[in-house]
PDB file of N, CA and C in Angstrom:
ATOM      1  N   MET A   1     -67.027 -94.402   5.809  1.00  0.00           N
ATOM      2  CA  MET A   1     -65.823 -93.582   5.832  1.00  0.00           C
ATOM      3  C   MET A   1     -65.870 -92.668   7.047  1.00  0.00           C
ATOM      4  N   SER A   2     -64.714 -92.476   7.592  1.00  0.00           N
ATOM      5  CA  SER A   2     -64.659 -91.594   8.754  1.00  0.00           C
ATOM      6  C   SER A   2     -64.746 -90.137   8.313  1.00  0.00           C
ATOM      7  N   PHE A   3     -65.037 -89.293   9.265  1.00  0.00           N
ATOM      8  CA  PHE A   3     -65.153 -87.862   8.985  1.00  0.00           C
ATOM      9  C   PHE A   3     -63.851 -87.312   8.405  1.00  0.00           C
ATOM     10  N   ILE A   4     -62.726 -87.745   8.955  1.00  0.00           N
ATOM     11  CA  ILE A   4     -61.423 -87.247   8.496  1.00  0.00           C
ATOM     12  C   ILE A   4     -61.186 -87.626   7.038  1.00  0.00           C
ATOM     13  N   LYS A   5     -61.527 -88.871   6.666  1.00  0.00           N
ATOM     14  CA  LYS A   5     -61.341 -89.290   5.277  1.00  0.00           C
ATOM     15  C   LYS A   5     -62.239 -88.487   4.345  1.00  0.00           C
ATOM     16  N   VAL A   6     -63.496 -88.298   4.749  1.00  0.00           N
ATOM     17  CA  VAL A   6     -64.432 -87.538   3.917  1.00  0.00           C
ATOM     18  C   VAL A   6     -63.955 -86.097   3.787  1.00  0.00           C
ATOM     19  N   PHE A   7     -63.556 -85.504   4.906  1.00  0.00           N
ATOM     20  CA  PHE A   7     -63.069 -84.127   4.887  1.00  0.00           C
ATOM     21  C   PHE A   7     -61.820 -84.019   4.011  1.00  0.00           C
ATOM     22  N   GLY A   8     -60.949 -85.017   4.111  1.00  0.00           N
ATOM     23  CA  GLY A   8     -59.743 -85.025   3.285  1.00  0.00           C
ATOM     24  C   GLY A   8     -60.069 -85.092   1.808  1.00  0.00           C
ATOM     25  N   LEU A   9     -61.053 -85.908   1.439  1.00  0.00           N
ATOM     26  CA  LEU A   9     -61.460 -86.004   0.034  1.00  0.00           C
ATOM     27  C   LEU A   9     -62.071 -84.692  -0.454  1.00  0.00           C
ATOM     28  N   ILE A  10     -62.896 -84.088   0.389  1.00  0.00           N
ATOM     29  CA  ILE A  10     -63.506 -82.803   0.012  1.00  0.00           C
ATOM     30  C   ILE A  10     -62.427 -81.739  -0.158  1.00  0.00           C
ATOM     31  N   THR A  11     -61.481 -81.719   0.771  1.00  0.00           N
ATOM     32  CA  THR A  11     -60.391 -80.745   0.698  1.00  0.00           C
ATOM     33  C   THR A  11     -59.555 -80.960  -0.555  1.00  0.00           C
ATOM     34  N   ALA A  12     -59.219 -82.219  -0.836  1.00  0.00           N
ATOM     35  CA  ALA A  12     -58.425 -82.525  -2.028  1.00  0.00           C
ATOM     36  C   ALA A  12     -59.179 -82.116  -3.285  1.00  0.00           C
ATOM     37  N   SER A  13     -60.467 -82.358  -3.301  1.00  0.00           N
ATOM     38  CA  SER A  13     -61.281 -81.982  -4.453  1.00  0.00           C
ATOM     39  C   SER A  13     -61.316 -80.467  -4.614  1.00  0.00           C
ATOM     40  N   ALA A  14     -61.467 -79.765  -3.500  1.00  0.00           N
ATOM     41  CA  ALA A  14     -61.510 -78.301  -3.549  1.00  0.00           C
ATOM     42  C   ALA A  14     -60.180 -77.744  -4.034  1.00  0.00           C
ATOM     43  N   LEU A  15     -59.089 -78.302  -3.565  1.00  0.00           N
ATOM     44  CA  LEU A  15     -57.774 -77.832  -4.006  1.00  0.00           C
ATOM     45  C   LEU A  15     -57.544 -78.147  -5.473  1.00  0.00           C
ATOM     46  N   GLY A  16     -58.070 -79.272  -5.912  1.00  0.00           N
ATOM     47  CA  GLY A  16     -57.918 -79.641  -7.317  1.00  0.00           C
ATOM     48  C   GLY A  16     -58.660 -78.704  -8.242  1.00  0.00           C
ATOM     49  N   THR A  17     -59.822 -78.237  -7.813  1.00  0.00           N
ATOM     50  CA  THR A  17     -60.602 -77.325  -8.659  1.00  0.00           C
ATOM     51  C   THR A  17     -60.220 -75.873  -8.440  1.00  0.00           C
ATOM     52  N   ALA A  18     -59.463 -75.587  -7.406  1.00  0.00           N
ATOM     53  CA  ALA A  18     -59.089 -74.199  -7.119  1.00  0.00           C
ATOM     54  C   ALA A  18     -58.224 -73.616  -8.228  1.00  0.00           C
ATOM     55  N   GLY A  19     -57.537 -74.473  -8.963  1.00  0.00           N
ATOM     56  CA  GLY A  19     -56.684 -73.990 -10.048  1.00  0.00           C
ATOM     57  C   GLY A  19     -57.453 -73.288 -11.140  1.00  0.00           C
ATOM     58  N   THR A  20     -58.702 -73.667 -11.326  1.00  0.00           N
ATOM     59  CA  THR A  20     -59.494 -73.032 -12.382  1.00  0.00           C
ATOM     60  C   THR A  20     -60.164 -71.750 -11.908  1.00  0.00           C
ATOM     61  N   ILE A  21     -60.136 -71.489 -10.629  1.00  0.00           N
ATOM     62  CA  ILE A  21     -60.793 -70.291 -10.095  1.00  0.00           C
ATOM     63  C   ILE A  21     -60.076 -69.031 -10.569  1.00  0.00           C
ATOM     64  N   TYR A  22     -58.787 -69.061 -10.649  1.00  0.00           N
ATOM     65  CA  TYR A  22     -57.991 -67.888 -10.985  1.00  0.00           C
ATOM     66  C   TYR A  22     -57.596 -67.898 -12.455  1.00  0.00           C
ATOM     67  N   GLY A  23     -58.560 -67.926 -13.325  1.00  0.00           N
ATOM     68  CA  GLY A  23     -58.300 -67.838 -14.756  1.00  0.00           C
ATOM     69  C   GLY A  23     -57.503 -68.993 -15.312  1.00  0.00           C
ATOM     70  N   GLY A  24     -57.677 -70.176 -14.787  1.00  0.00           N
ATOM     71  CA  GLY A  24     -56.987 -71.345 -15.292  1.00  0.00           C
ATOM     72  C   GLY A  24     -55.591 -71.524 -14.725  1.00  0.00           C
ATOM     73  N   HIS A  25     -55.159 -70.627 -13.859  1.00  0.00           N
ATOM     74  CA  HIS A  25     -53.839 -70.762 -13.238  1.00  0.00           C
ATOM     75  C   HIS A  25     -53.975 -71.515 -11.924  1.00  0.00           C
ATOM     76  N   SER A  26     -52.911 -72.143 -11.531  1.00  0.00           N
ATOM     77  CA  SER A  26     -52.946 -72.879 -10.274  1.00  0.00           C
ATOM     78  C   SER A  26     -52.866 -71.906  -9.106  1.00  0.00           C
ATOM     79  N   VAL A  27     -53.222 -72.393  -7.943  1.00  0.00           N
ATOM     80  CA  VAL A  27     -53.141 -71.584  -6.729  1.00  0.00           C
ATOM     81  C   VAL A  27     -51.696 -71.164  -6.491  1.00  0.00           C
ATOM     82  N   VAL A  28     -50.762 -72.055  -6.805  1.00  0.00           N
ATOM     83  CA  VAL A  28     -49.345 -71.733  -6.629  1.00  0.00           C
ATOM     84  C   VAL A  28     -48.962 -70.548  -7.511  1.00  0.00           C
ATOM     85  N   ASP A  29     -49.434 -70.539  -8.767  1.00  0.00           N
ATOM     86  CA  ASP A  29     -49.155 -69.406  -9.659  1.00  0.00           C
ATOM     87  C   ASP A  29     -49.752 -68.123  -9.101  1.00  0.00           C
ATOM     88  N   TYR A  30     -50.965 -68.235  -8.577  1.00  0.00           N
ATOM     89  CA  TYR A  30     -51.636 -67.070  -7.996  1.00  0.00           C
ATOM     90  C   TYR A  30     -50.828 -66.523  -6.822  1.00  0.00           C
ATOM     91  N   VAL A  31     -50.368 -67.410  -5.947  1.00  0.00           N
ATOM     92  CA  VAL A  31     -49.596 -66.987  -4.776  1.00  0.00           C
ATOM     93  C   VAL A  31     -48.269 -66.378  -5.208  1.00  0.00           C
ATOM     94  N   LYS A  32     -47.604 -66.979  -6.203  1.00  0.00           N
ATOM     95  CA  LYS A  32     -46.343 -66.421  -6.704  1.00  0.00           C
ATOM     96  C   LYS A  32     -46.554 -65.020  -7.261  1.00  0.00           C
ATOM     97  N   GLU A  33     -47.601 -64.842  -8.047  1.00  0.00           N
ATOM     98  CA  GLU A  33     -47.897 -63.531  -8.632  1.00  0.00           C
ATOM     99  C   GLU A  33     -48.216 -62.516  -7.537  1.00  0.00           C
ATOM    100  N   ARG A  34     -48.981 -62.953  -6.556  1.00  0.00           N
ATOM    101  CA  ARG A  34     -49.332 -62.060  -5.449  1.00  0.00           C
ATOM    102  C   ARG A  34     -48.080 -61.653  -4.673  1.00  0.00           C
ATOM    103  N   ASN A  35     -47.185 -62.595  -4.416  1.00  0.00           N
ATOM    104  CA  ASN A  35     -45.946 -62.296  -3.700  1.00  0.00           C
ATOM    105  C   ASN A  35     -45.059 -61.354  -4.504  1.00  0.00           C
ATOM    106  N   LYS A  36     -45.026 -61.557  -5.835  1.00  0.00           N
ATOM    107  CA  LYS A  36     -44.239 -60.672  -6.695  1.00  0.00           C
ATOM    108  C   LYS A  36     -44.795 -59.248  -6.632  1.00  0.00           C
ATOM    109  N   LEU A  37     -46.116 -59.122  -6.709  1.00  0.00           N
ATOM    110  CA  LEU A  37     -46.741 -57.803  -6.626  1.00  0.00           C
ATOM    111  C   LEU A  37     -46.511 -57.169  -5.258  1.00  0.00           C
ATOM    112  N   LYS A  38     -46.565 -57.984  -4.214  1.00  0.00           N
ATOM    113  CA  LYS A  38     -46.320 -57.478  -2.853  1.00  0.00           C
ATOM    114  C   LYS A  38     -44.891 -56.963  -2.744  1.00  0.00           C
ATOM    115  N   GLY A  39     -43.942 -57.678  -3.330  1.00  0.00           N
ATOM    116  CA  GLY A  39     -42.549 -57.233  -3.321  1.00  0.00           C
ATOM    117  C   GLY A  39     -42.376 -55.914  -4.048  1.00  0.00           C
ATOM    118  N   ARG A  40     -43.042 -55.773  -5.189  1.00  0.00           N
ATOM    119  CA  ARG A  40     -42.960 -54.516  -5.944  1.00  0.00           C
ATOM    120  C   ARG A  40     -43.586 -53.368  -5.159  1.00  0.00           C
ATOM    121  N   LEU A  41     -44.700 -53.652  -4.475  1.00  0.00           N
ATOM    122  CA  LEU A  41     -45.350 -52.636  -3.649  1.00  0.00           C
ATOM    123  C   LEU A  41     -44.440 -52.213  -2.503  1.00  0.00           C
ATOM    124  N   ASP A  42     -43.809 -53.181  -1.853  1.00  0.00           N
ATOM    125  CA  ASP A  42     -42.888 -52.869  -0.758  1.00  0.00           C
ATOM    126  C   ASP A  42     -41.745 -51.986  -1.245  1.00  0.00           C
ATOM    127  N   LEU A  43     -41.201 -52.289  -2.428  1.00  0.00           N
ATOM    128  CA  LEU A  43     -40.114 -51.486  -2.986  1.00  0.00           C
ATOM    129  C   LEU A  43     -40.583 -50.070  -3.293  1.00  0.00           C
ATOM    130  N   ALA A  44     -41.774 -49.946  -3.869  1.00  0.00           N
ATOM    131  CA  ALA A  44     -42.312 -48.619  -4.183  1.00  0.00           C
ATOM    132  C   ALA A  44     -42.526 -47.806  -2.912  1.00  0.00           C
ATOM    133  N   GLU A  45     -43.046 -48.447  -1.863  1.00  0.00           N
ATOM    134  CA  GLU A  45     -43.255 -47.745  -0.596  1.00  0.00           C
ATOM    135  C   GLU A  45     -41.925 -47.341   0.028  1.00  0.00           C
ATOM    136  N   TYR A  46     -40.914 -48.197  -0.076  1.00  0.00           N
ATOM    137  CA  TYR A  46     -39.579 -47.878   0.440  1.00  0.00           C
ATOM    138  C   TYR A  46     -38.997 -46.676  -0.296  1.00  0.00           C
ATOM    139  N   ASN A  47     -39.091 -46.689  -1.633  1.00  0.00           N
ATOM    140  CA  ASN A  47     -38.571 -45.573  -2.424  1.00  0.00           C
ATOM    141  C   ASN A  47     -39.312 -44.283  -2.109  1.00  0.00           C
ATOM    142  N   LEU A  48     -40.620 -44.364  -1.974  1.00  0.00           N
ATOM    143  CA  LEU A  48     -41.416 -43.186  -1.640  1.00  0.00           C
ATOM    144  C   LEU A  48     -41.011 -42.633  -0.280  1.00  0.00           C
ATOM    145  N   SER A  49     -40.786 -43.505   0.659  1.00  0.00           N
ATOM    146  CA  SER A  49     -40.366 -43.090   1.996  1.00  0.00           C
ATOM    147  C   SER A  49     -39.029 -42.355   1.936  1.00  0.00           C
ATOM    148  N   ASN A  50     -38.092 -42.884   1.133  1.00  0.00           N
ATOM    149  CA  ASN A  50     -36.786 -42.226   0.991  1.00  0.00           C
ATOM    150  C   ASN A  50     -36.924 -40.852   0.351  1.00  0.00           C
ATOM    151  N   ILE A  51     -37.769 -40.745  -0.675  1.00  0.00           N
ATOM    152  CA  ILE A  51     -37.975 -39.466  -1.351  1.00  0.00           C
ATOM    153  C   ILE A  51     -38.600 -38.464  -0.386  1.00  0.00           C
ATOM    154  N   GLU A  52     -39.586 -38.920   0.383  1.00  0.00           N
ATOM    155  CA  GLU A  52     -40.223 -38.037   1.361  1.00  0.00           C
ATOM    156  C   GLU A  52     -39.205 -37.550   2.384  1.00  0.00           C
ATOM    157  N   ALA A  53     -38.326 -38.434   2.833  1.00  0.00           N
ATOM    158  CA  ALA A  53     -37.311 -38.048   3.818  1.00  0.00           C
ATOM    159  C   ALA A  53     -36.359 -37.010   3.230  1.00  0.00           C
ATOM    160  N   LYS A  54     -35.952 -37.209   1.980  1.00  0.00           N
ATOM    161  CA  LYS A  54     -35.052 -36.249   1.334  1.00  0.00           C
ATOM    162  C   LYS A  54     -35.730 -34.898   1.168  1.00  0.00           C
ATOM    163  N   HIS A  55     -37.007 -34.909   0.813  1.00  0.00           N
ATOM    164  CA  HIS A  55     -37.735 -33.648   0.659  1.00  0.00           C
ATOM    165  C   HIS A  55     -37.881 -32.947   2.000  1.00  0.00           C
ATOM    166  N   ARG A  56     -38.133 -33.717   3.050  1.00  0.00           N
ATOM    167  CA  ARG A  56     -38.222 -33.127   4.386  1.00  0.00           C
ATOM    168  C   ARG A  56     -36.905 -32.472   4.761  1.00  0.00           C
ATOM    169  N   GLN A  57     -35.798 -33.146   4.465  1.00  0.00           N
ATOM    170  CA  GLN A  57     -34.475 -32.582   4.754  1.00  0.00           C
ATOM    171  C   GLN A  57     -34.275 -31.281   3.994  1.00  0.00           C
ATOM    172  N   ALA A  58     -34.624 -31.278   2.712  1.00  0.00           N
ATOM    173  CA  ALA A  58     -34.457 -30.079   1.888  1.00  0.00           C
ATOM    174  C   ALA A  58     -35.332 -28.945   2.411  1.00  0.00           C
ATOM    175  N   ILE A  59     -36.560 -29.255   2.778  1.00  0.00           N
ATOM    176  CA  ILE A  59     -37.460 -28.231   3.314  1.00  0.00           C
ATOM    177  C   ILE A  59     -36.901 -27.674   4.620  1.00  0.00           C
ATOM    178  N   ASN A  60     -36.438 -28.556   5.490  1.00  0.00           N
ATOM    179  CA  ASN A  60     -35.867 -28.098   6.760  1.00  0.00           C
ATOM    180  C   ASN A  60     -34.653 -27.212   6.534  1.00  0.00           C
ATOM    181  N   THR A  61     -33.820 -27.565   5.567  1.00  0.00           N
ATOM    182  CA  THR A  61     -32.646 -26.748   5.247  1.00  0.00           C
ATOM    183  C   THR A  61     -33.070 -25.374   4.758  1.00  0.00           C
ATOM    184  N   LEU A  62     -34.063 -25.333   3.877  1.00  0.00           N
ATOM    185  CA  LEU A  62     -34.542 -24.050   3.356  1.00  0.00           C
ATOM    186  C   LEU A  62     -35.187 -23.203   4.451  1.00  0.00           C
ATOM    187  N   VAL A  63     -35.929 -23.824   5.337  1.00  0.00           N
ATOM    188  CA  VAL A  63     -36.547 -23.088   6.444  1.00  0.00           C
ATOM    189  C   VAL A  63     -35.472 -22.508   7.352  1.00  0.00           C
ATOM    190  N   THR A  64     -34.455 -23.295   7.643  1.00  0.00           N
ATOM    191  CA  THR A  64     -33.351 -22.815   8.480  1.00  0.00           C
ATOM    192  C   THR A  64     -32.648 -21.644   7.814  1.00  0.00           C
ATOM    193  N   GLU A  65     -32.385 -21.770   6.511  1.00  0.00           N
ATOM    194  CA  GLU A  65     -31.727 -20.691   5.773  1.00  0.00           C
ATOM    195  C   GLU A  65     -32.603 -19.440   5.755  1.00  0.00           C
ATOM    196  N   ARG A  66     -33.894 -19.613   5.525  1.00  0.00           N
ATOM    197  CA  ARG A  66     -34.825 -18.477   5.523  1.00  0.00           C
ATOM    198  C   ARG A  66     -34.828 -17.772   6.872  1.00  0.00           C
ATOM    199  N   ASP A  67     -34.884 -18.554   7.953  1.00  0.00           N
ATOM    200  CA  ASP A  67     -34.898 -17.970   9.291  1.00  0.00           C
ATOM    201  C   ASP A  67     -33.611 -17.202   9.575  1.00  0.00           C
ATOM    202  N   ALA A  68     -32.486 -17.747   9.122  1.00  0.00           N
ATOM    203  CA  ALA A  68     -31.202 -17.059   9.312  1.00  0.00           C
ATOM    204  C   ALA A  68     -31.177 -15.753   8.532  1.00  0.00           C
ATOM    205  N   LEU A  69     -31.704 -15.763   7.309  1.00  0.00           N
ATOM    206  CA  LEU A  69     -31.744 -14.539   6.503  1.00  0.00           C
ATOM    207  C   LEU A  69     -32.689 -13.507   7.116  1.00  0.00           C
ATOM    208  N   LYS A  70     -33.815 -13.950   7.642  1.00  0.00           N
ATOM    209  CA  LYS A  70     -34.743 -13.030   8.309  1.00  0.00           C
ATOM    210  C   LYS A  70     -34.081 -12.387   9.521  1.00  0.00           C
ATOM    211  N   THR A  71     -33.370 -13.205  10.286  1.00  0.00           N
ATOM    212  CA  THR A  71     -32.673 -12.694  11.467  1.00  0.00           C
ATOM    213  C   THR A  71     -31.619 -11.679  11.061  1.00  0.00           C
ATOM    214  N   ALA A  72     -30.851 -12.001  10.024  1.00  0.00           N
ATOM    215  CA  ALA A  72     -29.817 -11.072   9.543  1.00  0.00           C
ATOM    216  C   ALA A  72     -30.453  -9.784   9.042  1.00  0.00           C
ATOM    217  N   LEU A  73     -31.560  -9.879   8.352  1.00  0.00           N
ATOM    218  CA  LEU A  73     -32.254  -8.698   7.839  1.00  0.00           C
ATOM    219  C   LEU A  73     -32.798  -7.848   8.985  1.00  0.00           C
ATOM    220  N   ASP A  74     -33.360  -8.499   9.997  1.00  0.00           N
ATOM    221  CA  ASP A  74     -33.881  -7.771  11.155  1.00  0.00           C
ATOM    222  C   ASP A  74     -32.770  -7.019  11.880  1.00  0.00           C
ATOM    223  N   LYS A  75     -31.573  -7.568  11.907  1.00  0.00           N
ATOM    224  CA  LYS A  75     -30.442  -6.921  12.587  1.00  0.00           C
ATOM    225  C   LYS A  75     -29.975  -5.682  11.836  1.00  0.00           C
ATOM    226  N   THR A  76     -30.282  -5.590  10.562  1.00  0.00           N
ATOM    227  CA  THR A  76     -29.834  -4.425   9.779  1.00  0.00           C
ATOM    228  C   THR A  76     -30.794  -3.253   9.912  1.00  0.00           C
ATOM    229  N   ARG A  77     -31.904  -3.412  10.580  1.00  0.00           N
ATOM    230  CA  ARG A  77     -32.863  -2.312  10.733  1.00  0.00           C
ATOM    231  C   ARG A  77     -32.420  -1.328  11.746  1.00  0.00           C
TER     232      ARG A  77
END
């Protein structure tokens, strides 16, 4: 047998047994689950980023308001 045929048989055998590596699920199931988890992680990171941006906006607004009030108070002295 040529090297390619032997390598192909070994690869096919490895892929055939790979299904039992992940708790009896196939590699395809493992990849689907991993992709689903990756999608959920991406969504969580996106939502967190939006919340952080909104908080930054609110903080900046409060800082601006505080500075304006300090300036107004200083002018009354």
